[in-house]
N, C-alpha and C. Protein backbone atom coordinates (compact mmCIF):
# COMPACT_ATOMS: atom_id res chain seq x y z
N MET A 1 16.35 47.48 -65.66
CA MET A 1 16.26 47.15 -64.40
C MET A 1 14.94 47.66 -63.74
N ALA A 2 13.95 46.94 -63.34
CA ALA A 2 12.77 47.26 -62.63
C ALA A 2 13.10 47.77 -61.07
N LYS A 3 12.37 49.10 -60.80
CA LYS A 3 12.66 49.57 -59.63
C LYS A 3 11.96 48.81 -58.51
N SER A 4 12.22 48.41 -57.49
CA SER A 4 11.55 47.70 -56.51
C SER A 4 10.71 48.84 -55.67
N PRO A 5 9.33 48.48 -55.26
CA PRO A 5 8.72 49.57 -54.61
C PRO A 5 9.23 49.91 -53.06
N PRO A 6 9.20 51.17 -52.76
CA PRO A 6 9.70 51.40 -51.37
C PRO A 6 9.07 50.51 -50.37
N ARG A 7 9.64 50.17 -49.37
CA ARG A 7 9.16 49.44 -48.30
C ARG A 7 8.44 50.47 -47.24
N THR A 8 7.29 50.23 -46.80
CA THR A 8 6.47 50.70 -45.88
C THR A 8 6.66 50.29 -44.48
N ARG A 9 7.30 50.94 -43.69
CA ARG A 9 7.61 50.58 -42.27
C ARG A 9 6.75 51.51 -41.34
N PRO A 10 6.44 51.07 -40.26
CA PRO A 10 5.87 51.91 -39.31
C PRO A 10 6.71 52.98 -38.96
N GLY A 11 6.24 54.19 -38.66
CA GLY A 11 7.29 55.28 -38.32
C GLY A 11 7.58 55.12 -37.00
N LEU A 12 8.54 55.98 -36.49
CA LEU A 12 8.89 56.05 -35.20
C LEU A 12 8.01 56.70 -34.23
N VAL A 13 7.76 56.01 -33.11
CA VAL A 13 6.84 56.51 -32.05
C VAL A 13 7.50 56.44 -30.77
N LYS A 14 7.39 57.39 -30.03
CA LYS A 14 7.92 57.13 -28.61
C LYS A 14 6.97 56.26 -27.77
N ALA A 15 7.47 55.36 -26.95
CA ALA A 15 6.92 54.53 -26.25
C ALA A 15 6.31 55.28 -24.98
N GLY A 16 5.24 54.98 -24.61
CA GLY A 16 4.58 55.65 -23.38
C GLY A 16 4.85 54.51 -22.28
N PRO A 17 4.62 55.00 -21.19
CA PRO A 17 4.95 54.10 -19.94
C PRO A 17 3.90 53.09 -19.89
N GLY A 18 4.42 52.05 -19.25
CA GLY A 18 3.57 50.65 -19.25
C GLY A 18 2.58 50.93 -18.06
N PRO A 19 1.89 50.14 -17.98
CA PRO A 19 0.95 50.03 -16.69
C PRO A 19 1.65 50.02 -15.45
N LEU A 20 1.27 50.63 -14.44
CA LEU A 20 1.92 50.61 -13.06
C LEU A 20 1.82 49.40 -12.39
N VAL A 21 0.48 48.68 -12.48
CA VAL A 21 0.10 47.59 -11.86
C VAL A 21 -0.82 46.61 -12.72
N ARG A 22 -0.50 45.44 -12.79
CA ARG A 22 -1.12 44.36 -13.58
C ARG A 22 -1.65 43.42 -12.67
N ARG A 23 -2.96 43.07 -12.91
CA ARG A 23 -3.70 42.36 -12.08
C ARG A 23 -4.12 41.03 -12.76
N ARG A 24 -3.92 39.70 -12.34
CA ARG A 24 -4.47 38.65 -13.06
C ARG A 24 -4.98 37.78 -11.82
N GLN A 25 -6.16 37.42 -12.25
CA GLN A 25 -6.97 36.51 -11.40
C GLN A 25 -6.63 34.94 -11.74
N LEU A 26 -6.42 34.12 -10.82
CA LEU A 26 -6.39 32.58 -11.08
C LEU A 26 -7.12 31.96 -10.17
N ASP A 27 -8.13 31.01 -10.61
CA ASP A 27 -9.05 30.30 -9.90
C ASP A 27 -8.45 28.96 -9.62
N LEU A 28 -7.78 28.73 -8.59
CA LEU A 28 -7.50 27.36 -8.12
C LEU A 28 -8.32 26.68 -7.24
N VAL A 29 -8.53 25.60 -7.37
CA VAL A 29 -9.50 24.60 -6.53
C VAL A 29 -8.76 23.40 -5.98
N ALA A 30 -8.89 23.29 -4.60
CA ALA A 30 -8.39 21.99 -4.21
C ALA A 30 -9.65 21.44 -3.66
N ALA A 31 -10.15 20.20 -3.96
CA ALA A 31 -11.16 19.46 -3.51
C ALA A 31 -10.67 18.86 -2.48
N GLU A 32 -11.57 18.16 -1.57
CA GLU A 32 -11.32 17.43 -0.35
C GLU A 32 -10.45 16.17 -0.83
N ASP A 33 -9.05 16.14 -0.19
CA ASP A 33 -8.31 15.04 -0.72
C ASP A 33 -8.79 13.58 -0.75
N GLY A 34 -9.63 13.17 0.43
CA GLY A 34 -10.11 11.92 0.55
C GLY A 34 -11.09 11.64 -0.42
N LEU A 35 -12.05 12.76 -0.65
CA LEU A 35 -13.18 12.45 -1.82
C LEU A 35 -12.51 12.43 -3.12
N VAL A 36 -11.47 13.11 -3.56
CA VAL A 36 -10.76 13.08 -4.76
C VAL A 36 -10.07 11.70 -5.05
N ARG A 37 -9.49 11.26 -3.89
CA ARG A 37 -8.79 9.92 -4.07
C ARG A 37 -9.86 8.78 -4.35
N ALA A 38 -10.95 8.82 -3.63
CA ALA A 38 -11.99 7.84 -3.69
C ALA A 38 -12.57 8.04 -5.22
N MET A 39 -12.78 9.07 -5.54
CA MET A 39 -13.40 9.19 -7.18
C MET A 39 -12.41 8.61 -8.06
N VAL A 40 -11.30 8.91 -7.81
CA VAL A 40 -10.13 8.43 -8.92
C VAL A 40 -9.83 7.00 -8.63
N GLU A 41 -9.97 6.65 -7.46
CA GLU A 41 -9.79 4.92 -7.43
C GLU A 41 -10.89 4.21 -7.80
N GLY A 42 -12.11 4.82 -7.81
CA GLY A 42 -13.46 4.26 -8.30
C GLY A 42 -13.61 4.49 -9.74
N ALA A 43 -12.71 5.12 -10.37
CA ALA A 43 -13.01 5.60 -11.65
C ALA A 43 -12.93 4.52 -12.91
N ASP A 44 -13.57 4.61 -13.94
CA ASP A 44 -13.65 3.58 -14.92
C ASP A 44 -12.46 4.27 -15.81
N ILE A 45 -11.42 3.40 -16.20
CA ILE A 45 -10.26 3.79 -17.03
C ILE A 45 -10.30 3.14 -18.30
N VAL A 46 -10.09 3.91 -19.54
CA VAL A 46 -9.76 3.42 -20.63
C VAL A 46 -8.52 3.88 -21.24
N SER A 47 -7.66 3.30 -21.93
CA SER A 47 -6.40 3.81 -22.42
C SER A 47 -6.27 2.87 -23.91
N GLU A 48 -5.52 3.99 -24.51
CA GLU A 48 -5.27 3.54 -25.88
C GLU A 48 -4.02 4.12 -26.18
N GLY A 49 -3.10 3.50 -27.07
CA GLY A 49 -1.87 4.13 -27.55
C GLY A 49 -0.79 2.87 -27.78
N MET A 50 0.36 3.22 -28.41
CA MET A 50 1.27 2.61 -28.94
C MET A 50 2.55 3.27 -29.18
N PRO A 51 3.56 2.51 -29.17
CA PRO A 51 5.08 3.19 -29.32
C PRO A 51 5.15 3.23 -30.94
N GLN A 52 5.79 4.21 -31.24
CA GLN A 52 6.09 4.28 -32.90
C GLN A 52 7.55 4.87 -32.88
N THR A 53 8.00 4.12 -33.89
CA THR A 53 9.53 4.46 -34.30
C THR A 53 9.73 5.88 -35.05
N GLU A 54 10.32 6.91 -34.56
CA GLU A 54 10.59 8.08 -35.11
C GLU A 54 12.33 8.20 -35.27
N GLY A 55 12.66 8.34 -36.45
CA GLY A 55 14.13 8.58 -36.45
C GLY A 55 15.03 7.45 -35.87
N ASP A 56 15.69 7.85 -34.97
CA ASP A 56 16.66 6.89 -34.25
C ASP A 56 15.83 6.23 -32.86
N GLY A 57 14.80 6.91 -32.58
CA GLY A 57 14.30 6.44 -31.25
C GLY A 57 12.78 5.95 -31.41
N VAL A 58 12.28 5.68 -30.10
CA VAL A 58 10.89 5.38 -30.20
C VAL A 58 10.08 6.10 -29.44
N VAL A 59 8.99 6.84 -29.87
CA VAL A 59 8.13 7.63 -28.92
C VAL A 59 6.53 6.88 -28.90
N TYR A 60 6.17 7.11 -27.55
CA TYR A 60 4.94 6.55 -27.26
C TYR A 60 3.73 7.63 -27.43
N TYR A 61 2.69 7.32 -28.08
CA TYR A 61 1.61 8.41 -28.22
C TYR A 61 0.40 7.46 -27.70
N GLY A 62 -0.28 8.21 -26.72
CA GLY A 62 -1.63 7.58 -26.36
C GLY A 62 -2.56 8.29 -25.55
N SER A 63 -3.73 7.97 -25.30
CA SER A 63 -4.61 8.73 -24.43
C SER A 63 -5.30 7.79 -23.59
N THR A 64 -5.79 8.42 -22.43
CA THR A 64 -6.43 7.92 -21.28
C THR A 64 -7.74 8.60 -20.89
N SER A 65 -8.64 7.79 -20.72
CA SER A 65 -9.90 8.45 -20.46
C SER A 65 -10.33 7.97 -18.95
N VAL A 66 -10.55 9.00 -18.12
CA VAL A 66 -10.83 8.60 -16.82
C VAL A 66 -12.16 9.00 -16.36
N LEU A 67 -13.17 8.12 -16.13
CA LEU A 67 -14.68 8.58 -15.76
C LEU A 67 -14.73 8.86 -14.43
N LEU A 68 -14.91 9.86 -13.90
CA LEU A 68 -14.68 10.28 -12.22
C LEU A 68 -16.25 10.00 -11.77
N LEU A 69 -17.10 10.67 -12.20
CA LEU A 69 -18.37 10.78 -11.68
C LEU A 69 -19.50 10.09 -12.68
N ALA A 70 -20.20 9.21 -12.50
CA ALA A 70 -21.32 8.72 -13.17
C ALA A 70 -22.42 9.91 -13.07
N ARG A 71 -23.32 9.67 -14.08
CA ARG A 71 -24.61 10.46 -14.18
C ARG A 71 -25.49 10.12 -13.07
N SER A 72 -26.59 10.74 -12.87
CA SER A 72 -27.56 10.55 -11.73
C SER A 72 -28.08 9.27 -11.79
N ARG A 73 -28.33 8.59 -12.80
CA ARG A 73 -29.02 7.34 -12.80
C ARG A 73 -27.77 6.30 -11.92
N GLY A 74 -28.09 6.49 -10.72
CA GLY A 74 -27.25 5.50 -9.91
C GLY A 74 -25.94 6.12 -9.70
N GLY A 75 -25.59 7.14 -10.10
CA GLY A 75 -24.31 7.77 -10.28
C GLY A 75 -24.38 8.70 -8.73
N THR A 76 -23.23 9.57 -8.81
CA THR A 76 -22.93 10.18 -7.41
C THR A 76 -23.44 11.67 -7.49
N LEU A 77 -23.66 12.30 -8.73
CA LEU A 77 -23.74 13.74 -8.74
C LEU A 77 -25.14 13.85 -9.62
N PRO A 78 -26.14 14.84 -9.40
CA PRO A 78 -27.07 15.09 -10.23
C PRO A 78 -26.96 15.82 -11.41
N ASP A 79 -27.44 15.54 -12.65
CA ASP A 79 -26.92 15.90 -13.94
C ASP A 79 -27.03 17.46 -13.94
N PRO A 80 -27.59 18.17 -13.43
CA PRO A 80 -27.27 19.68 -13.56
C PRO A 80 -26.27 20.10 -12.88
N ASP A 81 -25.52 19.44 -12.12
CA ASP A 81 -24.21 19.61 -11.57
C ASP A 81 -23.13 19.33 -12.14
N LEU A 82 -23.21 18.63 -13.05
CA LEU A 82 -22.04 17.98 -13.90
C LEU A 82 -21.17 19.04 -14.36
N ALA A 83 -21.62 19.93 -15.09
CA ALA A 83 -20.89 21.03 -15.86
C ALA A 83 -20.03 21.84 -14.74
N SER A 84 -20.80 22.17 -13.66
CA SER A 84 -20.06 23.00 -12.69
C SER A 84 -19.13 22.10 -12.01
N MET A 85 -19.41 20.98 -11.63
CA MET A 85 -18.36 20.02 -10.88
C MET A 85 -17.15 19.89 -11.97
N ALA A 86 -17.36 19.64 -13.39
CA ALA A 86 -16.38 19.44 -14.35
C ALA A 86 -15.41 20.67 -14.07
N ALA A 87 -15.96 21.87 -14.06
CA ALA A 87 -15.08 23.18 -14.17
C ALA A 87 -14.53 23.35 -12.90
N LEU A 88 -14.95 22.93 -11.79
CA LEU A 88 -14.36 23.03 -10.41
C LEU A 88 -12.96 22.21 -10.66
N LEU A 89 -13.31 20.78 -10.95
CA LEU A 89 -12.35 19.76 -10.90
C LEU A 89 -11.13 20.22 -11.75
N ALA A 90 -11.52 20.96 -13.01
CA ALA A 90 -10.46 21.24 -13.88
C ALA A 90 -9.58 22.20 -13.41
N CYS A 91 -9.71 22.82 -12.26
CA CYS A 91 -8.87 23.81 -11.73
C CYS A 91 -8.06 23.11 -10.44
N ASP A 92 -8.26 21.85 -10.08
CA ASP A 92 -7.78 20.99 -8.99
C ASP A 92 -6.44 20.42 -9.55
N PRO A 93 -5.29 21.04 -9.08
CA PRO A 93 -3.96 20.58 -9.54
C PRO A 93 -3.69 19.05 -8.90
N HIS A 94 -4.29 18.75 -7.90
CA HIS A 94 -4.09 17.39 -7.09
C HIS A 94 -4.92 16.42 -7.97
N LEU A 95 -5.94 16.57 -8.50
CA LEU A 95 -6.67 15.73 -9.38
C LEU A 95 -5.82 15.52 -10.54
N LYS A 96 -5.49 16.63 -11.36
CA LYS A 96 -4.70 16.42 -12.48
C LYS A 96 -3.55 15.57 -12.27
N LEU A 97 -2.84 15.71 -11.03
CA LEU A 97 -1.66 15.00 -10.84
C LEU A 97 -1.98 13.42 -10.72
N ARG A 98 -3.09 13.24 -9.93
CA ARG A 98 -3.27 11.81 -10.00
C ARG A 98 -3.86 11.08 -11.06
N VAL A 99 -4.62 11.83 -12.05
CA VAL A 99 -4.95 11.39 -13.19
C VAL A 99 -3.65 11.12 -14.18
N LEU A 100 -2.71 12.09 -14.03
CA LEU A 100 -1.52 12.01 -14.98
C LEU A 100 -0.70 10.74 -14.62
N ARG A 101 -0.68 10.45 -13.35
CA ARG A 101 0.09 9.32 -12.75
C ARG A 101 -0.51 7.84 -13.42
N ILE A 102 -1.95 8.04 -13.31
CA ILE A 102 -2.71 6.84 -13.98
C ILE A 102 -2.33 6.66 -15.27
N ALA A 103 -2.26 7.87 -16.27
CA ALA A 103 -2.04 7.81 -17.79
C ALA A 103 -0.60 7.40 -17.81
N ARG A 104 0.18 7.72 -17.03
CA ARG A 104 1.83 7.36 -17.14
C ARG A 104 1.83 5.79 -16.93
N ARG A 105 1.12 5.41 -15.95
CA ARG A 105 1.17 3.96 -15.64
C ARG A 105 0.72 3.05 -16.94
N GLU A 106 -0.57 3.54 -17.29
CA GLU A 106 -0.87 2.83 -18.61
C GLU A 106 0.08 2.80 -19.51
N ALA A 107 0.56 3.96 -20.00
CA ALA A 107 1.66 4.06 -20.90
C ALA A 107 2.76 3.22 -20.80
N CYS A 108 3.21 3.04 -19.37
CA CYS A 108 4.30 2.10 -19.23
C CYS A 108 4.01 0.73 -19.42
N THR A 109 2.79 0.30 -19.07
CA THR A 109 2.25 -1.09 -19.31
C THR A 109 2.08 -1.38 -20.69
N ARG A 110 2.10 -0.18 -21.73
CA ARG A 110 1.82 -0.67 -23.02
C ARG A 110 3.12 -0.80 -23.83
N VAL A 111 3.99 0.01 -23.36
CA VAL A 111 5.46 0.01 -23.87
C VAL A 111 6.15 -1.17 -23.07
N GLN A 112 5.83 -1.61 -21.86
CA GLN A 112 6.62 -2.72 -21.11
C GLN A 112 7.83 -2.34 -20.67
N GLY A 113 8.07 -1.09 -20.41
CA GLY A 113 9.46 -0.63 -19.99
C GLY A 113 9.25 0.88 -19.37
N GLU A 114 10.24 1.51 -19.50
CA GLU A 114 10.51 2.91 -18.86
C GLU A 114 10.14 3.93 -19.82
N LEU A 115 9.44 5.01 -19.51
CA LEU A 115 9.32 6.16 -20.52
C LEU A 115 10.25 7.27 -19.92
N GLY A 116 10.53 8.14 -20.83
CA GLY A 116 11.31 9.32 -20.39
C GLY A 116 10.30 10.42 -19.86
N PRO A 117 10.65 11.60 -19.89
CA PRO A 117 9.60 12.51 -19.39
C PRO A 117 8.41 12.68 -20.20
N VAL A 118 7.26 12.74 -19.59
CA VAL A 118 5.98 12.71 -20.05
C VAL A 118 5.47 13.99 -20.42
N ARG A 119 5.10 14.34 -21.75
CA ARG A 119 4.35 15.54 -22.14
C ARG A 119 2.77 15.31 -22.31
N ALA A 120 1.91 16.14 -21.45
CA ALA A 120 0.64 15.57 -21.39
C ALA A 120 -0.28 16.86 -21.50
N GLU A 121 -1.40 16.58 -22.16
CA GLU A 121 -2.55 17.67 -22.16
C GLU A 121 -3.54 17.17 -21.32
N ILE A 122 -4.23 17.66 -20.35
CA ILE A 122 -5.34 17.28 -19.65
C ILE A 122 -6.45 18.03 -19.84
N ASP A 123 -7.78 17.40 -20.15
CA ASP A 123 -8.96 18.19 -20.40
C ASP A 123 -10.03 17.40 -19.44
N VAL A 124 -10.70 18.12 -18.48
CA VAL A 124 -11.76 17.84 -17.82
C VAL A 124 -13.04 18.34 -18.21
N ARG A 125 -14.05 17.56 -18.52
CA ARG A 125 -15.23 17.97 -19.05
C ARG A 125 -16.51 17.21 -18.63
N ALA A 126 -17.68 17.82 -18.61
CA ALA A 126 -18.74 16.98 -18.64
C ALA A 126 -19.37 16.29 -19.69
N SER A 127 -19.63 15.03 -19.79
CA SER A 127 -20.05 14.62 -21.00
C SER A 127 -21.48 13.46 -20.59
N ALA A 128 -21.88 13.04 -21.66
CA ALA A 128 -23.17 12.09 -21.40
C ALA A 128 -22.98 11.12 -20.23
N ALA A 129 -21.68 10.60 -19.92
CA ALA A 129 -21.46 9.55 -19.08
C ALA A 129 -21.25 10.06 -17.65
N GLY A 130 -20.65 11.55 -17.71
CA GLY A 130 -20.37 11.88 -16.29
C GLY A 130 -19.35 13.02 -16.37
N VAL A 131 -18.53 13.10 -15.45
CA VAL A 131 -17.26 13.92 -15.57
C VAL A 131 -16.01 13.08 -16.10
N VAL A 132 -15.59 13.40 -17.09
CA VAL A 132 -14.36 12.81 -17.68
C VAL A 132 -13.14 13.67 -17.91
N VAL A 133 -12.06 12.91 -17.58
CA VAL A 133 -10.72 13.54 -17.49
C VAL A 133 -10.14 12.78 -18.76
N LEU A 134 -9.61 13.51 -19.73
CA LEU A 134 -8.93 12.97 -20.88
C LEU A 134 -7.59 13.28 -20.97
N VAL A 135 -6.64 12.59 -21.04
CA VAL A 135 -5.05 12.94 -20.97
C VAL A 135 -4.62 12.31 -22.09
N ASP A 136 -3.97 13.21 -22.89
CA ASP A 136 -3.17 12.89 -24.05
C ASP A 136 -1.63 12.80 -23.69
N VAL A 137 -1.02 11.77 -23.88
CA VAL A 137 0.27 11.66 -23.48
C VAL A 137 1.22 11.40 -24.72
N VAL A 138 2.35 12.01 -24.56
CA VAL A 138 3.54 11.65 -25.65
C VAL A 138 5.00 11.58 -24.58
N ALA A 139 5.70 10.48 -24.94
CA ALA A 139 6.86 10.37 -24.28
C ALA A 139 7.95 9.50 -25.02
N VAL A 140 9.17 9.77 -24.71
CA VAL A 140 10.12 9.05 -25.48
C VAL A 140 10.41 7.72 -24.63
N VAL A 141 10.65 6.62 -25.29
CA VAL A 141 10.77 5.37 -24.81
C VAL A 141 12.16 5.08 -24.66
N HIS A 142 12.47 4.68 -23.50
CA HIS A 142 14.06 4.45 -23.18
C HIS A 142 14.40 3.22 -24.05
N ALA A 143 15.78 3.34 -24.38
CA ALA A 143 16.31 2.28 -25.36
C ALA A 143 16.01 0.95 -24.88
N SER A 144 16.20 0.62 -23.61
CA SER A 144 16.03 -0.76 -23.24
C SER A 144 14.42 -1.26 -23.22
N ALA A 145 13.75 -0.39 -23.12
CA ALA A 145 12.17 -0.78 -23.24
C ALA A 145 11.86 -0.76 -24.77
N ALA A 146 12.50 0.04 -25.62
CA ALA A 146 12.18 0.21 -27.02
C ALA A 146 12.60 -1.21 -27.66
N SER A 147 13.68 -1.82 -27.35
CA SER A 147 13.88 -3.00 -27.82
C SER A 147 13.13 -4.27 -27.55
N GLY A 148 12.58 -4.18 -26.31
CA GLY A 148 11.34 -5.24 -26.04
C GLY A 148 10.15 -4.82 -26.59
N ALA A 149 9.93 -3.63 -27.03
CA ALA A 149 8.63 -3.36 -27.66
C ALA A 149 8.65 -3.70 -29.00
N SER A 150 9.66 -3.64 -29.71
CA SER A 150 9.84 -4.02 -31.26
C SER A 150 9.85 -5.34 -31.52
N ARG A 151 9.81 -6.29 -30.55
CA ARG A 151 10.00 -7.81 -30.62
C ARG A 151 8.71 -8.29 -31.24
């Protein structure tokens, strides 16, 4: 019978005291509500996605792209300011909520029914087109909507 090698484990060490104070900085930005509302209402919106059968239920997977600010060629913001504006808007919880509501409405339209709780990832970035908010959505489709979507 072969002898197994001894296990090497870390030795016992007395834990030292933790830090007395921890500091965390969080940068939250709230843009002017009227201007954000106008940007979102005037945005170009593109969505894609579809419900898929998984096990006993139906799950919707989709994404929505919201172009908020067009580039300087006839747009709202000069090109050099796009990256800084995207970084600021990425910290605005009100903008994220408005865009999430748009993505949820788009998803409901595609399943033609009700969705359960929505899980979403939101990414705000500067692009060649301007400031774009990308929302990836995953949601369980309620049974009444799922039967209509499978017809």
